[in-house]
Amino acid sequence: RGEGVDDLLGQTIRFDERAVGGDADYANFM
């Protein structure tokens, strides 16, 4: 709540990058 959309999308991109690595469960939950 209260987070900006740009920041949220930035997080999404970063977690997308993590999801292809060795921590897929964490990244995809996020």
PDB file of all heavy atoms in Angstrom:
ATOM      1  N   ARG A   1       0.837  -1.193   0.000  1.00  0.00           N
ATOM      2  CA  ARG A   1       0.000   0.000   0.000  1.00  0.00           C
ATOM      3  C   ARG A   1       0.873   1.245   0.000  1.00  0.00           C
ATOM      4  O   ARG A   1       1.831   1.359   0.749  1.00  0.00           O
ATOM      5  CB  ARG A   1      -0.904   0.009   1.232  1.00  0.00           C
ATOM      6  CG  ARG A   1      -2.009  -1.040   1.155  1.00  0.00           C
ATOM      7  CD  ARG A   1      -2.809  -1.096   2.433  1.00  0.00           C
ATOM      8  NE  ARG A   1      -3.818  -2.152   2.359  1.00  0.00           N
ATOM      9  CZ  ARG A   1      -4.472  -2.617   3.400  1.00  0.00           C
ATOM     10  NH1 ARG A   1      -4.223  -2.155   4.612  1.00  0.00           N
ATOM     11  NH2 ARG A   1      -5.378  -3.560   3.268  1.00  0.00           N
ATOM     12  N   GLY A   2       0.542   2.164  -0.872  1.00  0.00           N
ATOM     13  CA  GLY A   2       1.260   3.425  -0.907  1.00  0.00           C
ATOM     14  C   GLY A   2       2.493   3.404  -1.784  1.00  0.00           C
ATOM     15  O   GLY A   2       3.121   4.431  -1.992  1.00  0.00           O
ATOM     16  N   GLU A   3       2.861   2.239  -2.322  1.00  0.00           N
ATOM     17  CA  GLU A   3       4.024   2.204  -3.198  1.00  0.00           C
ATOM     18  C   GLU A   3       3.659   2.748  -4.575  1.00  0.00           C
ATOM     19  O   GLU A   3       2.566   2.545  -5.075  1.00  0.00           O
ATOM     20  CB  GLU A   3       4.537   0.772  -3.349  1.00  0.00           C
ATOM     21  CG  GLU A   3       5.212   0.246  -2.104  1.00  0.00           C
ATOM     22  CD  GLU A   3       5.946  -1.059  -2.395  1.00  0.00           C
ATOM     23  OE1 GLU A   3       6.005  -1.443  -3.571  1.00  0.00           O
ATOM     24  OE2 GLU A   3       6.446  -1.662  -1.438  1.00  0.00           O
ATOM     25  N   GLY A   4       4.599   3.433  -5.201  1.00  0.00           N
ATOM     26  CA  GLY A   4       4.368   3.946  -6.537  1.00  0.00           C
ATOM     27  C   GLY A   4       4.373   2.828  -7.565  1.00  0.00           C
ATOM     28  O   GLY A   4       5.042   1.816  -7.393  1.00  0.00           O
ATOM     29  N   VAL A   5       3.620   3.034  -8.620  1.00  0.00           N
ATOM     30  CA  VAL A   5       3.530   2.014  -9.659  1.00  0.00           C
ATOM     31  C   VAL A   5       4.893   1.754 -10.283  1.00  0.00           C
ATOM     32  O   VAL A   5       5.269   0.611 -10.540  1.00  0.00           O
ATOM     33  CB  VAL A   5       2.509   2.427 -10.738  1.00  0.00           C
ATOM     34  CG1 VAL A   5       2.509   1.419 -11.879  1.00  0.00           C
ATOM     35  CG2 VAL A   5       1.124   2.556 -10.141  1.00  0.00           C
ATOM     36  N   ASP A   6       5.675   2.817 -10.542  1.00  0.00           N
ATOM     37  CA  ASP A   6       6.987   2.643 -11.162  1.00  0.00           C
ATOM     38  C   ASP A   6       7.888   1.774 -10.292  1.00  0.00           C
ATOM     39  O   ASP A   6       8.599   0.898 -10.780  1.00  0.00           O
ATOM     40  CB  ASP A   6       7.653   4.004 -11.396  1.00  0.00           C
ATOM     41  CG  ASP A   6       6.950   4.794 -12.491  1.00  0.00           C
ATOM     42  OD1 ASP A   6       6.218   4.174 -13.281  1.00  0.00           O
ATOM     43  OD2 ASP A   6       7.135   6.024 -12.543  1.00  0.00           O
ATOM     44  N   ASP A   7       7.840   2.019  -8.990  1.00  0.00           N
ATOM     45  CA  ASP A   7       8.666   1.225  -8.079  1.00  0.00           C
ATOM     46  C   ASP A   7       8.201  -0.225  -8.075  1.00  0.00           C
ATOM     47  O   ASP A   7       9.008  -1.157  -8.051  1.00  0.00           O
ATOM     48  CB  ASP A   7       8.593   1.805  -6.666  1.00  0.00           C
ATOM     49  CG  ASP A   7       9.478   1.051  -5.695  1.00  0.00           C
ATOM     50  OD1 ASP A   7      10.679   0.916  -5.982  1.00  0.00           O
ATOM     51  OD2 ASP A   7       8.970   0.590  -4.668  1.00  0.00           O
ATOM     52  N   LEU A   8       6.884  -0.414  -8.104  1.00  0.00           N
ATOM     53  CA  LEU A   8       6.334  -1.752  -8.118  1.00  0.00           C
ATOM     54  C   LEU A   8       6.760  -2.506  -9.373  1.00  0.00           C
ATOM     55  O   LEU A   8       7.175  -3.658  -9.327  1.00  0.00           O
ATOM     56  CB  LEU A   8       4.805  -1.691  -8.041  1.00  0.00           C
ATOM     57  CG  LEU A   8       4.068  -3.018  -7.828  1.00  0.00           C
ATOM     58  CD1 LEU A   8       4.455  -3.617  -6.482  1.00  0.00           C
ATOM     59  CD2 LEU A   8       2.575  -2.797  -7.888  1.00  0.00           C
ATOM     60  N   LEU A   9       6.692  -1.834 -10.514  1.00  0.00           N
ATOM     61  CA  LEU A   9       7.116  -2.458 -11.762  1.00  0.00           C
ATOM     62  C   LEU A   9       8.610  -2.748 -11.738  1.00  0.00           C
ATOM     63  O   LEU A   9       9.070  -3.761 -12.278  1.00  0.00           O
ATOM     64  CB  LEU A   9       6.766  -1.553 -12.950  1.00  0.00           C
ATOM     65  CG  LEU A   9       5.268  -1.437 -13.265  1.00  0.00           C
ATOM     66  CD1 LEU A   9       5.034  -0.382 -14.336  1.00  0.00           C
ATOM     67  CD2 LEU A   9       4.708  -2.777 -13.713  1.00  0.00           C
ATOM     68  N   GLY A  10       9.360  -1.845 -11.115  1.00  0.00           N
ATOM     69  CA  GLY A  10      10.793  -2.082 -10.986  1.00  0.00           C
ATOM     70  C   GLY A  10      11.073  -3.346 -10.193  1.00  0.00           C
ATOM     71  O   GLY A  10      11.947  -4.142 -10.541  1.00  0.00           O
ATOM     72  N   GLN A  11      10.320  -3.525  -9.104  1.00  0.00           N
ATOM     73  CA  GLN A  11      10.466  -4.742  -8.314  1.00  0.00           C
ATOM     74  C   GLN A  11      10.113  -5.955  -9.150  1.00  0.00           C
ATOM     75  O   GLN A  11      10.784  -6.986  -9.101  1.00  0.00           O
ATOM     76  CB  GLN A  11       9.554  -4.696  -7.091  1.00  0.00           C
ATOM     77  CG  GLN A  11       9.967  -3.697  -6.029  1.00  0.00           C
ATOM     78  CD  GLN A  11       9.090  -3.848  -4.806  1.00  0.00           C
ATOM     79  OE1 GLN A  11       8.965  -4.932  -4.265  1.00  0.00           O
ATOM     80  NE2 GLN A  11       8.457  -2.764  -4.391  1.00  0.00           N
ATOM     81  N   THR A  12       9.044  -5.843  -9.926  1.00  0.00           N
ATOM     82  CA  THR A  12       8.602  -6.961 -10.756  1.00  0.00           C
ATOM     83  C   THR A  12       9.699  -7.377 -11.723  1.00  0.00           C
ATOM     84  O   THR A  12       9.989  -8.557 -11.890  1.00  0.00           O
ATOM     85  CB  THR A  12       7.331  -6.579 -11.544  1.00  0.00           C
ATOM     86  OG1 THR A  12       6.304  -6.214 -10.630  1.00  0.00           O
ATOM     87  CG2 THR A  12       6.866  -7.738 -12.403  1.00  0.00           C
ATOM     88  N   ILE A  13      10.332  -6.390 -12.361  1.00  0.00           N
ATOM     89  CA  ILE A  13      11.409  -6.687 -13.305  1.00  0.00           C
ATOM     90  C   ILE A  13      12.574  -7.374 -12.592  1.00  0.00           C
ATOM     91  O   ILE A  13      13.121  -8.370 -13.065  1.00  0.00           O
ATOM     92  CB  ILE A  13      11.890  -5.399 -13.999  1.00  0.00           C
ATOM     93  CG1 ILE A  13      10.778  -4.860 -14.916  1.00  0.00           C
ATOM     94  CG2 ILE A  13      13.162  -5.659 -14.799  1.00  0.00           C
ATOM     95  CD1 ILE A  13      11.040  -3.466 -15.426  1.00  0.00           C
ATOM     96  N   ARG A  14      12.929  -6.859 -11.419  1.00  0.00           N
ATOM     97  CA  ARG A  14      14.043  -7.457 -10.696  1.00  0.00           C
ATOM     98  C   ARG A  14      13.732  -8.893 -10.288  1.00  0.00           C
ATOM     99  O   ARG A  14      14.587  -9.775 -10.376  1.00  0.00           O
ATOM    100  CB  ARG A  14      14.384  -6.611  -9.468  1.00  0.00           C
ATOM    101  CG  ARG A  14      15.025  -5.272  -9.820  1.00  0.00           C
ATOM    102  CD  ARG A  14      15.658  -4.624  -8.601  1.00  0.00           C
ATOM    103  NE  ARG A  14      14.685  -4.305  -7.566  1.00  0.00           N
ATOM    104  CZ  ARG A  14      13.965  -3.183  -7.539  1.00  0.00           C
ATOM    105  NH1 ARG A  14      14.085  -2.294  -8.511  1.00  0.00           N
ATOM    106  NH2 ARG A  14      13.128  -2.949  -6.558  1.00  0.00           N
ATOM    107  N   PHE A  15      12.496  -9.133  -9.825  1.00  0.00           N
ATOM    108  CA  PHE A  15      12.143 -10.486  -9.423  1.00  0.00           C
ATOM    109  C   PHE A  15      11.985 -11.408 -10.620  1.00  0.00           C
ATOM    110  O   PHE A  15      12.235 -12.597 -10.542  1.00  0.00           O
ATOM    111  CB  PHE A  15      10.874 -10.481  -8.564  1.00  0.00           C
ATOM    112  CG  PHE A  15      11.118  -9.984  -7.183  1.00  0.00           C
ATOM    113  CD1 PHE A  15      10.461  -8.872  -6.697  1.00  0.00           C
ATOM    114  CD2 PHE A  15      12.026 -10.622  -6.352  1.00  0.00           C
ATOM    115  CE1 PHE A  15      10.701  -8.403  -5.418  1.00  0.00           C
ATOM    116  CE2 PHE A  15      12.276 -10.164  -5.074  1.00  0.00           C
ATOM    117  CZ  PHE A  15      11.611  -9.050  -4.605  1.00  0.00           C
ATOM    118  N   ASP A  16      11.575 -10.845 -11.781  1.00  0.00           N
ATOM    119  CA  ASP A  16      11.538 -11.640 -13.008  1.00  0.00           C
ATOM    120  C   ASP A  16      12.935 -12.170 -13.309  1.00  0.00           C
ATOM    121  O   ASP A  16      13.112 -13.321 -13.711  1.00  0.00           O
ATOM    122  CB  ASP A  16      11.057 -10.785 -14.188  1.00  0.00           C
ATOM    123  CG  ASP A  16       9.571 -10.972 -14.458  1.00  0.00           C
ATOM    124  OD1 ASP A  16       9.097 -12.097 -14.287  1.00  0.00           O
ATOM    125  OD2 ASP A  16       8.911  -9.995 -14.820  1.00  0.00           O
ATOM    126  N   GLU A  17      13.946 -11.302 -13.124  1.00  0.00           N
ATOM    127  CA  GLU A  17      15.314 -11.705 -13.405  1.00  0.00           C
ATOM    128  C   GLU A  17      15.763 -12.798 -12.440  1.00  0.00           C
ATOM    129  O   GLU A  17      16.451 -13.744 -12.829  1.00  0.00           O
ATOM    130  CB  GLU A  17      16.233 -10.494 -13.295  1.00  0.00           C
ATOM    131  CG  GLU A  17      16.014  -9.463 -14.412  1.00  0.00           C
ATOM    132  CD  GLU A  17      16.782  -8.184 -14.169  1.00  0.00           C
ATOM    133  OE1 GLU A  17      17.312  -8.003 -13.052  1.00  0.00           O
ATOM    134  OE2 GLU A  17      16.867  -7.354 -15.095  1.00  0.00           O
ATOM    135  N   ARG A  18      15.320 -12.701 -11.176  1.00  0.00           N
ATOM    136  CA  ARG A  18      15.693 -13.712 -10.196  1.00  0.00           C
ATOM    137  C   ARG A  18      14.999 -15.036 -10.474  1.00  0.00           C
ATOM    138  O   ARG A  18      15.512 -16.100 -10.165  1.00  0.00           O
ATOM    139  CB  ARG A  18      15.342 -13.248  -8.793  1.00  0.00           C
ATOM    140  CG  ARG A  18      16.170 -12.092  -8.285  1.00  0.00           C
ATOM    141  CD  ARG A  18      15.926 -11.843  -6.820  1.00  0.00           C
ATOM    142  NE  ARG A  18      16.304 -13.019  -6.036  1.00  0.00           N
ATOM    143  CZ  ARG A  18      16.129 -13.106  -4.715  1.00  0.00           C
ATOM    144  NH1 ARG A  18      15.578 -12.123  -4.065  1.00  0.00           N
ATOM    145  NH2 ARG A  18      16.503 -14.184  -4.060  1.00  0.00           N
ATOM    146  N   ALA A  19      13.799 -14.959 -11.061  1.00  0.00           N
ATOM    147  CA  ALA A  19      13.000 -16.164 -11.248  1.00  0.00           C
ATOM    148  C   ALA A  19      13.651 -17.163 -12.186  1.00  0.00           C
ATOM    149  O   ALA A  19      13.332 -18.343 -12.152  1.00  0.00           O
ATOM    150  CB  ALA A  19      11.614 -15.797 -11.771  1.00  0.00           C
ATOM    151  N   VAL A  20      14.578 -16.698 -13.055  1.00  0.00           N
ATOM    152  CA  VAL A  20      15.248 -17.621 -13.973  1.00  0.00           C
ATOM    153  C   VAL A  20      16.510 -18.184 -13.340  1.00  0.00           C
ATOM    154  O   VAL A  20      17.192 -19.001 -13.950  1.00  0.00           O
ATOM    155  CB  VAL A  20      15.599 -16.933 -15.316  1.00  0.00           C
ATOM    156  CG1 VAL A  20      14.343 -16.437 -15.990  1.00  0.00           C
ATOM    157  CG2 VAL A  20      16.586 -15.783 -15.114  1.00  0.00           C
ATOM    158  N   GLY A  21      16.830 -17.736 -12.140  1.00  0.00           N
ATOM    159  CA  GLY A  21      18.021 -18.230 -11.468  1.00  0.00           C
ATOM    160  C   GLY A  21      17.704 -19.393 -10.545  1.00  0.00           C
ATOM    161  O   GLY A  21      16.773 -20.156 -10.762  1.00  0.00           O
ATOM    162  N   GLY A  22      18.496 -19.506  -9.487  1.00  0.00           N
ATOM    163  CA  GLY A  22      18.354 -20.662  -8.610  1.00  0.00           C
ATOM    164  C   GLY A  22      17.411 -20.455  -7.454  1.00  0.00           C
ATOM    165  O   GLY A  22      17.352 -21.274  -6.540  1.00  0.00           O
ATOM    166  N   ASP A  23      16.675 -19.377  -7.450  1.00  0.00           N
ATOM    167  CA  ASP A  23      15.806 -19.077  -6.322  1.00  0.00           C
ATOM    168  C   ASP A  23      14.376 -18.899  -6.817  1.00  0.00           C
ATOM    169  O   ASP A  23      13.673 -17.969  -6.451  1.00  0.00           O
ATOM    170  CB  ASP A  23      16.294 -17.799  -5.636  1.00  0.00           C
ATOM    171  CG  ASP A  23      15.885 -17.751  -4.164  1.00  0.00           C
ATOM    172  OD1 ASP A  23      15.459 -18.776  -3.630  1.00  0.00           O
ATOM    173  OD2 ASP A  23      16.009 -16.673  -3.574  1.00  0.00           O
ATOM    174  N   ALA A  24      13.932 -19.806  -7.670  1.00  0.00           N
ATOM    175  CA  ALA A  24      12.680 -19.622  -8.390  1.00  0.00           C
ATOM    176  C   ALA A  24      11.469 -19.610  -7.477  1.00  0.00           C
ATOM    177  O   ALA A  24      10.496 -18.902  -7.740  1.00  0.00           O
ATOM    178  CB  ALA A  24      12.524 -20.705  -9.455  1.00  0.00           C
ATOM    179  N   ASP A  25      11.500 -20.392  -6.410  1.00  0.00           N
ATOM    180  CA  ASP A  25      10.340 -20.405  -5.522  1.00  0.00           C
ATOM    181  C   ASP A  25      10.135 -19.030  -4.882  1.00  0.00           C
ATOM    182  O   ASP A  25       9.043 -18.466  -4.897  1.00  0.00           O
ATOM    183  CB  ASP A  25      10.460 -21.495  -4.456  1.00  0.00           C
ATOM    184  CG  ASP A  25      11.763 -21.440  -3.672  1.00  0.00           C
ATOM    185  OD1 ASP A  25      12.618 -20.599  -3.998  1.00  0.00           O
ATOM    186  OD2 ASP A  25      11.919 -22.251  -2.747  1.00  0.00           O
ATOM    187  N   TYR A  26      11.215 -18.473  -4.351  1.00  0.00           N
ATOM    188  CA  TYR A  26      11.157 -17.147  -3.720  1.00  0.00           C
ATOM    189  C   TYR A  26      10.661 -16.096  -4.707  1.00  0.00           C
ATOM    190  O   TYR A  26       9.735 -15.333  -4.440  1.00  0.00           O
ATOM    191  CB  TYR A  26      12.545 -16.782  -3.212  1.00  0.00           C
ATOM    192  CG  TYR A  26      12.666 -15.414  -2.580  1.00  0.00           C
ATOM    193  CD1 TYR A  26      12.562 -15.239  -1.205  1.00  0.00           C
ATOM    194  CD2 TYR A  26      12.902 -14.290  -3.367  1.00  0.00           C
ATOM    195  CE1 TYR A  26      12.678 -13.986  -0.639  1.00  0.00           C
ATOM    196  CE2 TYR A  26      13.016 -13.031  -2.806  1.00  0.00           C
ATOM    197  CZ  TYR A  26      12.915 -12.894  -1.441  1.00  0.00           C
ATOM    198  OH  TYR A  26      13.033 -11.651  -0.888  1.00  0.00           O
ATOM    199  N   ALA A  27      11.297 -16.048  -5.877  1.00  0.00           N
ATOM    200  CA  ALA A  27      10.985 -15.004  -6.846  1.00  0.00           C
ATOM    201  C   ALA A  27       9.548 -15.091  -7.328  1.00  0.00           C
ATOM    202  O   ALA A  27       8.850 -14.081  -7.450  1.00  0.00           O
ATOM    203  CB  ALA A  27      11.940 -15.100  -8.039  1.00  0.00           C
ATOM    204  N   ASN A  28       9.067 -16.302  -7.595  1.00  0.00           N
ATOM    205  CA  ASN A  28       7.719 -16.449  -8.121  1.00  0.00           C
ATOM    206  C   ASN A  28       6.652 -16.179  -7.064  1.00  0.00           C
ATOM    207  O   ASN A  28       5.592 -15.638  -7.379  1.00  0.00           O
ATOM    208  CB  ASN A  28       7.549 -17.836  -8.734  1.00  0.00           C
ATOM    209  CG  ASN A  28       8.208 -17.940 -10.091  1.00  0.00           C
ATOM    210  OD1 ASN A  28       7.888 -17.188 -11.001  1.00  0.00           O
ATOM    211  ND2 ASN A  28       9.149 -18.857 -10.243  1.00  0.00           N
ATOM    212  N   PHE A  29       6.917 -16.544  -5.809  1.00  0.00           N
ATOM    213  CA  PHE A  29       5.993 -16.159  -4.745  1.00  0.00           C
ATOM    214  C   PHE A  29       5.873 -14.639  -4.675  1.00  0.00           C
ATOM    215  O   PHE A  29       4.782 -14.080  -4.543  1.00  0.00           O
ATOM    216  CB  PHE A  29       6.467 -16.692  -3.383  1.00  0.00           C
ATOM    217  CG  PHE A  29       5.992 -18.069  -3.060  1.00  0.00           C
ATOM    218  CD1 PHE A  29       6.882 -19.061  -2.690  1.00  0.00           C
ATOM    219  CD2 PHE A  29       4.639 -18.391  -3.088  1.00  0.00           C
ATOM    220  CE1 PHE A  29       6.457 -20.341  -2.378  1.00  0.00           C
ATOM    221  CE2 PHE A  29       4.194 -19.665  -2.774  1.00  0.00           C
ATOM    222  CZ  PHE A  29       5.109 -20.640  -2.425  1.00  0.00           C
ATOM    223  N   MET A  30       7.016 -13.970  -4.759  1.00  0.00           N
ATOM    224  CA  MET A  30       7.012 -12.513  -4.681  1.00  0.00           C
ATOM    225  C   MET A  30       6.265 -11.906  -5.861  1.00  0.00           C
ATOM    226  O   MET A  30       5.467 -10.980  -5.710  1.00  0.00           O
ATOM    227  CB  MET A  30       8.456 -11.991  -4.654  1.00  0.00           C
ATOM    228  CG  MET A  30       9.224 -12.358  -3.409  1.00  0.00           C
ATOM    229  SD  MET A  30       8.663 -11.441  -1.960  1.00  0.00           S
ATOM    230  CE  MET A  30       9.432  -9.866  -2.239  1.00  0.00           C
TER     231      MET A  30
END
